[in-house]
Amino acid sequence: MPAATRKARQSSPSMVHLEPNELRAVLKAATAKGAREWAMILLAYKHGLRCSEVCNLRLDDVDLKNGHLVVERLKGSLRTVQAITEHRGEPLLNEVKALRGWLRERQDDGSDYLFTSQKGGRLDRSQFFRLFQAIATDAGLPLGKCHPHALKHTLASHLVTANVNLALVKQQLGHKAIGSTMKYVATSDAQASRATQSALMKLF
């Protein structure tokens, strides 16, 4: 196998996800970095967004009055309109506060993109990658989890762990096919047996 191919495979993100305490650490480190960083990372997690999808968000995609976010996904995924939530139990997950904080600071440079760079104009996906990597490192995450695509995997893992209906997980992640969602489901014979016993006890 050519060295370039091996390097590409080694550098591509695997299906790693963050545990709840790791996600909190990342969000806390993001708030210390700035309002933009907190809002970007939080939206990427809550809506299962890729780097480019975060950077492609426009001001018109955000409707704080009605609590809606329009997500134009890439790679043939679904276009979705999702709720922007406050999540009163965990302040770090408060999207409304995060977005309001960033919009107060955001300079009007004529760009209609939600997240802009310090030089003006749309933030590039490579910039978001580097920002997340630095923040994840500050949060003490291992190198293998310092990739922003881990946020999409994290949302999927958290929803599946919470036994959210897979059809709803599929919709939140913007998957067109349920097969894409099933990649996040890992079960054992023991889990299947317990679930079967529990279901039958409710029926009979």
C-alpha atoms as a PDB file:
ATOM      1  CA  MET A   1       0.000   0.000   0.000  1.00  0.00           C
ATOM      2  CA  PRO A   2       1.427   3.435  -0.942  1.00  0.00           C
ATOM      3  CA  ALA A   3       2.574   5.598   1.963  1.00  0.00           C
ATOM      4  CA  ALA A   4       0.153   8.391   0.974  1.00  0.00           C
ATOM      5  CA  THR A   5      -2.796   6.000   1.143  1.00  0.00           C
ATOM      6  CA  ARG A   6      -1.726   4.699   4.555  1.00  0.00           C
ATOM      7  CA  LYS A   7      -1.372   8.257   5.849  1.00  0.00           C
ATOM      8  CA  ALA A   8      -4.827   9.239   4.541  1.00  0.00           C
ATOM      9  CA  ARG A   9      -6.434   6.230   6.207  1.00  0.00           C
ATOM     10  CA  GLN A  10      -4.678   6.893   9.490  1.00  0.00           C
ATOM     11  CA  SER A  11      -5.715  10.554   9.513  1.00  0.00           C
ATOM     12  CA  SER A  12      -9.387  10.020   8.647  1.00  0.00           C
ATOM     13  CA  PRO A  13     -11.713  10.199  11.660  1.00  0.00           C
ATOM     14  CA  SER A  14     -13.028   6.935  13.062  1.00  0.00           C
ATOM     15  CA  MET A  15     -16.330   6.448  14.871  1.00  0.00           C
ATOM     16  CA  VAL A  16     -14.988   7.845  18.131  1.00  0.00           C
ATOM     17  CA  HIS A  17     -17.296   9.813  20.402  1.00  0.00           C
ATOM     18  CA  LEU A  18     -16.983  11.902  23.535  1.00  0.00           C
ATOM     19  CA  GLU A  19     -18.295  10.787  26.875  1.00  0.00           C
ATOM     20  CA  PRO A  20     -20.601  13.306  28.603  1.00  0.00           C
ATOM     21  CA  ASN A  21     -17.824  14.516  30.917  1.00  0.00           C
ATOM     22  CA  GLU A  22     -15.490  14.986  27.918  1.00  0.00           C
ATOM     23  CA  LEU A  23     -18.127  16.975  26.047  1.00  0.00           C
ATOM     24  CA  ARG A  24     -18.644  19.222  29.092  1.00  0.00           C
ATOM     25  CA  ALA A  25     -14.881  19.786  29.279  1.00  0.00           C
ATOM     26  CA  VAL A  26     -14.757  20.755  25.593  1.00  0.00           C
ATOM     27  CA  LEU A  27     -17.718  23.131  25.889  1.00  0.00           C
ATOM     28  CA  LYS A  28     -16.223  24.707  29.008  1.00  0.00           C
ATOM     29  CA  ALA A  29     -12.911  25.223  27.212  1.00  0.00           C
ATOM     30  CA  ALA A  30     -14.812  26.677  24.248  1.00  0.00           C
ATOM     31  CA  THR A  31     -16.569  29.259  26.437  1.00  0.00           C
ATOM     32  CA  ALA A  32     -13.172  30.292  27.777  1.00  0.00           C
ATOM     33  CA  LYS A  33     -11.964  30.756  24.195  1.00  0.00           C
ATOM     34  CA  GLY A  34     -14.893  32.893  23.073  1.00  0.00           C
ATOM     35  CA  ALA A  35     -18.592  33.197  22.263  1.00  0.00           C
ATOM     36  CA  ARG A  36     -18.048  32.166  18.643  1.00  0.00           C
ATOM     37  CA  GLU A  37     -16.206  29.003  19.589  1.00  0.00           C
ATOM     38  CA  TRP A  38     -18.842  27.957  22.127  1.00  0.00           C
ATOM     39  CA  ALA A  39     -21.694  28.538  19.667  1.00  0.00           C
ATOM     40  CA  MET A  40     -19.943  26.687  16.815  1.00  0.00           C
ATOM     41  CA  ILE A  41     -19.062  23.610  18.820  1.00  0.00           C
ATOM     42  CA  LEU A  42     -22.423  23.481  20.576  1.00  0.00           C
ATOM     43  CA  LEU A  43     -24.365  23.661  17.302  1.00  0.00           C
ATOM     44  CA  ALA A  44     -22.088  21.047  15.732  1.00  0.00           C
ATOM     45  CA  TYR A  45     -22.898  18.692  18.622  1.00  0.00           C
ATOM     46  CA  LYS A  46     -26.614  19.395  19.074  1.00  0.00           C
ATOM     47  CA  HIS A  47     -27.380  19.113  15.348  1.00  0.00           C
ATOM     48  CA  GLY A  48     -24.758  16.588  14.259  1.00  0.00           C
ATOM     49  CA  LEU A  49     -22.998  18.959  11.860  1.00  0.00           C
ATOM     50  CA  ARG A  50     -19.846  18.464   9.822  1.00  0.00           C
ATOM     51  CA  CYS A  51     -17.159  21.182   9.698  1.00  0.00           C
ATOM     52  CA  SER A  52     -18.370  22.531   6.353  1.00  0.00           C
ATOM     53  CA  GLU A  53     -22.003  22.500   7.477  1.00  0.00           C
ATOM     54  CA  VAL A  54     -21.156  24.628  10.500  1.00  0.00           C
ATOM     55  CA  CYS A  55     -19.193  27.087   8.367  1.00  0.00           C
ATOM     56  CA  ASN A  56     -21.971  27.213   5.740  1.00  0.00           C
ATOM     57  CA  LEU A  57     -24.621  28.351   8.225  1.00  0.00           C
ATOM     58  CA  ARG A  58     -26.030  31.760   7.356  1.00  0.00           C
ATOM     59  CA  LEU A  59     -27.640  34.425   9.514  1.00  0.00           C
ATOM     60  CA  ASP A  60     -31.005  33.706   7.895  1.00  0.00           C
ATOM     61  CA  ASP A  61     -30.738  30.058   8.977  1.00  0.00           C
ATOM     62  CA  VAL A  62     -31.091  31.129  12.609  1.00  0.00           C
ATOM     63  CA  ASP A  63     -34.519  32.115  13.926  1.00  0.00           C
ATOM     64  CA  LEU A  64     -34.138  32.775  17.629  1.00  0.00           C
ATOM     65  CA  LYS A  65     -37.632  34.251  17.906  1.00  0.00           C
ATOM     66  CA  ASN A  66     -39.248  30.958  16.891  1.00  0.00           C
ATOM     67  CA  GLY A  67     -36.375  28.753  18.044  1.00  0.00           C
ATOM     68  CA  HIS A  68     -35.506  27.211  14.677  1.00  0.00           C
ATOM     69  CA  LEU A  69     -32.293  26.383  12.817  1.00  0.00           C
ATOM     70  CA  VAL A  70     -32.276  25.497   9.117  1.00  0.00           C
ATOM     71  CA  VAL A  71     -29.574  22.933   8.343  1.00  0.00           C
ATOM     72  CA  GLU A  72     -28.421  22.461   4.748  1.00  0.00           C
ATOM     73  CA  ARG A  73     -26.435  19.246   4.915  1.00  0.00           C
ATOM     74  CA  LEU A  74     -23.824  17.952   2.480  1.00  0.00           C
ATOM     75  CA  LYS A  75     -23.094  14.526   0.977  1.00  0.00           C
ATOM     76  CA  GLY A  76     -26.708  13.887   0.013  1.00  0.00           C
ATOM     77  CA  SER A  77     -28.020  14.205   3.565  1.00  0.00           C
ATOM     78  CA  LEU A  78     -31.398  15.699   4.451  1.00  0.00           C
ATOM     79  CA  ARG A  79     -32.217  19.399   4.726  1.00  0.00           C
ATOM     80  CA  THR A  80     -33.775  19.784   8.167  1.00  0.00           C
ATOM     81  CA  VAL A  81     -35.361  22.469  10.334  1.00  0.00           C
ATOM     82  CA  GLN A  82     -34.449  21.765  13.945  1.00  0.00           C
ATOM     83  CA  ALA A  83     -35.201  23.313  17.307  1.00  0.00           C
ATOM     84  CA  ILE A  84     -32.787  25.697  19.006  1.00  0.00           C
ATOM     85  CA  THR A  85     -33.050  24.822  22.689  1.00  0.00           C
ATOM     86  CA  GLU A  86     -32.086  26.360  26.021  1.00  0.00           C
ATOM     87  CA  HIS A  87     -31.553  23.104  27.990  1.00  0.00           C
ATOM     88  CA  ARG A  88     -32.085  24.545  31.458  1.00  0.00           C
ATOM     89  CA  GLY A  89     -30.467  21.591  33.215  1.00  0.00           C
ATOM     90  CA  GLU A  90     -26.991  22.142  31.751  1.00  0.00           C
ATOM     91  CA  PRO A  91     -25.981  25.770  31.000  1.00  0.00           C
ATOM     92  CA  LEU A  92     -23.220  24.660  28.611  1.00  0.00           C
ATOM     93  CA  LEU A  93     -25.907  23.169  26.316  1.00  0.00           C
ATOM     94  CA  ASN A  94     -27.935  26.391  26.120  1.00  0.00           C
ATOM     95  CA  GLU A  95     -27.963  27.150  22.388  1.00  0.00           C
ATOM     96  CA  VAL A  96     -30.093  30.267  22.761  1.00  0.00           C
ATOM     97  CA  LYS A  97     -27.602  31.864  25.143  1.00  0.00           C
ATOM     98  CA  ALA A  98     -24.619  30.761  23.059  1.00  0.00           C
ATOM     99  CA  LEU A  99     -26.047  32.196  19.838  1.00  0.00           C
ATOM    100  CA  ARG A 100     -27.195  35.438  21.444  1.00  0.00           C
ATOM    101  CA  GLY A 101     -23.750  35.892  22.947  1.00  0.00           C
ATOM    102  CA  TRP A 102     -22.043  35.418  19.591  1.00  0.00           C
ATOM    103  CA  LEU A 103     -24.481  37.621  17.669  1.00  0.00           C
ATOM    104  CA  ARG A 104     -23.830  40.452  20.150  1.00  0.00           C
ATOM    105  CA  GLU A 105     -20.097  40.206  19.444  1.00  0.00           C
ATOM    106  CA  ARG A 106     -20.248  39.435  15.726  1.00  0.00           C
ATOM    107  CA  GLN A 107     -18.925  42.298  13.607  1.00  0.00           C
ATOM    108  CA  ASP A 108     -21.111  43.373  10.688  1.00  0.00           C
ATOM    109  CA  ASP A 109     -18.643  42.949   7.832  1.00  0.00           C
ATOM    110  CA  GLY A 110     -21.257  42.615   5.094  1.00  0.00           C
ATOM    111  CA  SER A 111     -21.107  38.829   5.149  1.00  0.00           C
ATOM    112  CA  ASP A 112     -24.321  36.848   5.576  1.00  0.00           C
ATOM    113  CA  TYR A 113     -22.553  33.854   7.110  1.00  0.00           C
ATOM    114  CA  LEU A 114     -23.244  33.145  10.770  1.00  0.00           C
ATOM    115  CA  PHE A 115     -19.673  32.372  11.773  1.00  0.00           C
ATOM    116  CA  THR A 116     -17.069  34.779  10.463  1.00  0.00           C
ATOM    117  CA  SER A 117     -13.313  34.871  10.763  1.00  0.00           C
ATOM    118  CA  GLN A 118     -11.372  37.577  12.547  1.00  0.00           C
ATOM    119  CA  LYS A 119     -10.381  38.951   9.131  1.00  0.00           C
ATOM    120  CA  GLY A 120     -13.992  39.028   7.979  1.00  0.00           C
ATOM    121  CA  GLY A 121     -16.034  36.743   5.757  1.00  0.00           C
ATOM    122  CA  ARG A 122     -16.981  33.125   6.234  1.00  0.00           C
ATOM    123  CA  LEU A 123     -14.913  31.029   8.621  1.00  0.00           C
ATOM    124  CA  ASP A 124     -13.137  28.312   6.654  1.00  0.00           C
ATOM    125  CA  ARG A 125     -13.614  24.646   7.570  1.00  0.00           C
ATOM    126  CA  SER A 126      -9.859  24.281   8.114  1.00  0.00           C
ATOM    127  CA  GLN A 127      -9.996  27.142  10.627  1.00  0.00           C
ATOM    128  CA  PHE A 128     -12.837  25.436  12.475  1.00  0.00           C
ATOM    129  CA  PHE A 129     -10.828  22.208  12.487  1.00  0.00           C
ATOM    130  CA  ARG A 130      -7.814  23.936  14.031  1.00  0.00           C
ATOM    131  CA  LEU A 131      -9.954  25.783  16.584  1.00  0.00           C
ATOM    132  CA  PHE A 132     -11.646  22.586  17.704  1.00  0.00           C
ATOM    133  CA  GLN A 133      -8.340  20.732  17.875  1.00  0.00           C
ATOM    134  CA  ALA A 134      -6.841  23.420  20.113  1.00  0.00           C
ATOM    135  CA  ILE A 135      -9.917  23.562  22.356  1.00  0.00           C
ATOM    136  CA  ALA A 136     -10.151  19.767  22.646  1.00  0.00           C
ATOM    137  CA  THR A 137      -6.464  19.658  23.556  1.00  0.00           C
ATOM    138  CA  ASP A 138      -7.003  22.338  26.227  1.00  0.00           C
ATOM    139  CA  ALA A 139      -9.878  20.209  27.550  1.00  0.00           C
ATOM    140  CA  GLY A 140      -7.510  17.271  28.008  1.00  0.00           C
ATOM    141  CA  LEU A 141      -8.959  15.012  25.313  1.00  0.00           C
ATOM    142  CA  PRO A 142      -6.771  12.293  23.805  1.00  0.00           C
ATOM    143  CA  LEU A 143      -5.459  12.990  20.311  1.00  0.00           C
ATOM    144  CA  GLY A 144      -7.827  10.477  18.730  1.00  0.00           C
ATOM    145  CA  LYS A 145     -10.823  12.533  19.900  1.00  0.00           C
ATOM    146  CA  CYS A 146      -9.505  15.936  18.852  1.00  0.00           C
ATOM    147  CA  HIS A 147     -11.413  15.930  15.565  1.00  0.00           C
ATOM    148  CA  PRO A 148     -14.639  17.949  15.128  1.00  0.00           C
ATOM    149  CA  HIS A 149     -16.386  15.088  13.318  1.00  0.00           C
ATOM    150  CA  ALA A 150     -16.367  13.305  16.678  1.00  0.00           C
ATOM    151  CA  LEU A 151     -19.165  15.708  17.664  1.00  0.00           C
ATOM    152  CA  LYS A 152     -21.575  14.151  15.144  1.00  0.00           C
ATOM    153  CA  HIS A 153     -20.642  10.680  16.398  1.00  0.00           C
ATOM    154  CA  THR A 154     -21.094  11.923  19.961  1.00  0.00           C
ATOM    155  CA  LEU A 155     -24.652  13.107  19.384  1.00  0.00           C
ATOM    156  CA  ALA A 156     -25.524   9.805  17.732  1.00  0.00           C
ATOM    157  CA  SER A 157     -23.969   7.810  20.561  1.00  0.00           C
ATOM    158  CA  HIS A 158     -25.722   9.851  23.259  1.00  0.00           C
ATOM    159  CA  LEU A 159     -29.127   9.508  21.596  1.00  0.00           C
ATOM    160  CA  VAL A 160     -28.743   5.775  21.033  1.00  0.00           C
ATOM    161  CA  THR A 161     -27.552   5.291  24.627  1.00  0.00           C
ATOM    162  CA  ALA A 162     -30.656   7.151  25.807  1.00  0.00           C
ATOM    163  CA  ASN A 163     -32.805   4.704  23.792  1.00  0.00           C
ATOM    164  CA  VAL A 164     -34.164   7.397  21.495  1.00  0.00           C
ATOM    165  CA  ASN A 165     -36.180   5.888  18.644  1.00  0.00           C
ATOM    166  CA  LEU A 166     -33.805   5.256  15.728  1.00  0.00           C
ATOM    167  CA  ALA A 167     -36.152   6.998  13.301  1.00  0.00           C
ATOM    168  CA  LEU A 168     -35.777  10.161  15.393  1.00  0.00           C
ATOM    169  CA  VAL A 169     -31.995   9.748  15.625  1.00  0.00           C
ATOM    170  CA  LYS A 170     -31.915   9.384  11.837  1.00  0.00           C
ATOM    171  CA  GLN A 171     -33.866  12.626  11.393  1.00  0.00           C
ATOM    172  CA  GLN A 172     -31.753  14.616  13.851  1.00  0.00           C
ATOM    173  CA  LEU A 173     -28.546  13.512  12.114  1.00  0.00           C
ATOM    174  CA  GLY A 174     -29.997  14.227   8.690  1.00  0.00           C
ATOM    175  CA  HIS A 175     -29.481  10.690   7.387  1.00  0.00           C
ATOM    176  CA  LYS A 176     -31.427   9.688   4.282  1.00  0.00           C
ATOM    177  CA  ALA A 177     -31.087   5.979   4.987  1.00  0.00           C
ATOM    178  CA  ILE A 178     -31.525   4.192   8.324  1.00  0.00           C
ATOM    179  CA  GLY A 179     -28.444   2.132   7.490  1.00  0.00           C
ATOM    180  CA  SER A 180     -26.277   5.187   8.146  1.00  0.00           C
ATOM    181  CA  THR A 181     -27.827   5.515  11.593  1.00  0.00           C
ATOM    182  CA  MET A 182     -27.427   1.816  12.382  1.00  0.00           C
ATOM    183  CA  LYS A 183     -23.642   2.225  12.252  1.00  0.00           C
ATOM    184  CA  TYR A 184     -23.897   3.848  15.681  1.00  0.00           C
ATOM    185  CA  VAL A 185     -25.802   0.958  17.235  1.00  0.00           C
ATOM    186  CA  ALA A 186     -23.656  -1.584  19.028  1.00  0.00           C
ATOM    187  CA  THR A 187     -25.499  -4.291  20.929  1.00  0.00           C
ATOM    188  CA  SER A 188     -24.596  -7.549  22.661  1.00  0.00           C
ATOM    189  CA  ASP A 189     -26.476 -10.831  23.034  1.00  0.00           C
ATOM    190  CA  ALA A 190     -27.023 -10.011  26.724  1.00  0.00           C
ATOM    191  CA  GLN A 191     -28.585  -6.632  25.891  1.00  0.00           C
ATOM    192  CA  ALA A 192     -30.849  -8.224  23.298  1.00  0.00           C
ATOM    193  CA  SER A 193     -31.928 -10.894  25.782  1.00  0.00           C
ATOM    194  CA  ARG A 194     -32.728  -8.347  28.494  1.00  0.00           C
ATOM    195  CA  ALA A 195     -34.681  -6.189  26.054  1.00  0.00           C
ATOM    196  CA  THR A 196     -36.649  -9.188  24.819  1.00  0.00           C
ATOM    197  CA  GLN A 197     -37.469 -10.337  28.370  1.00  0.00           C
ATOM    198  CA  SER A 198     -38.562  -6.828  29.350  1.00  0.00           C
ATOM    199  CA  ALA A 199     -40.795  -6.458  26.286  1.00  0.00           C
ATOM    200  CA  LEU A 200     -42.454  -9.845  26.746  1.00  0.00           C
ATOM    201  CA  MET A 201     -43.121  -9.160  30.425  1.00  0.00           C
ATOM    202  CA  LYS A 202     -45.036  -6.033  29.435  1.00  0.00           C
ATOM    203  CA  LEU A 203     -47.091  -7.976  26.877  1.00  0.00           C
ATOM    204  CA  PHE A 204     -47.925 -11.060  28.903  1.00  0.00           C
END
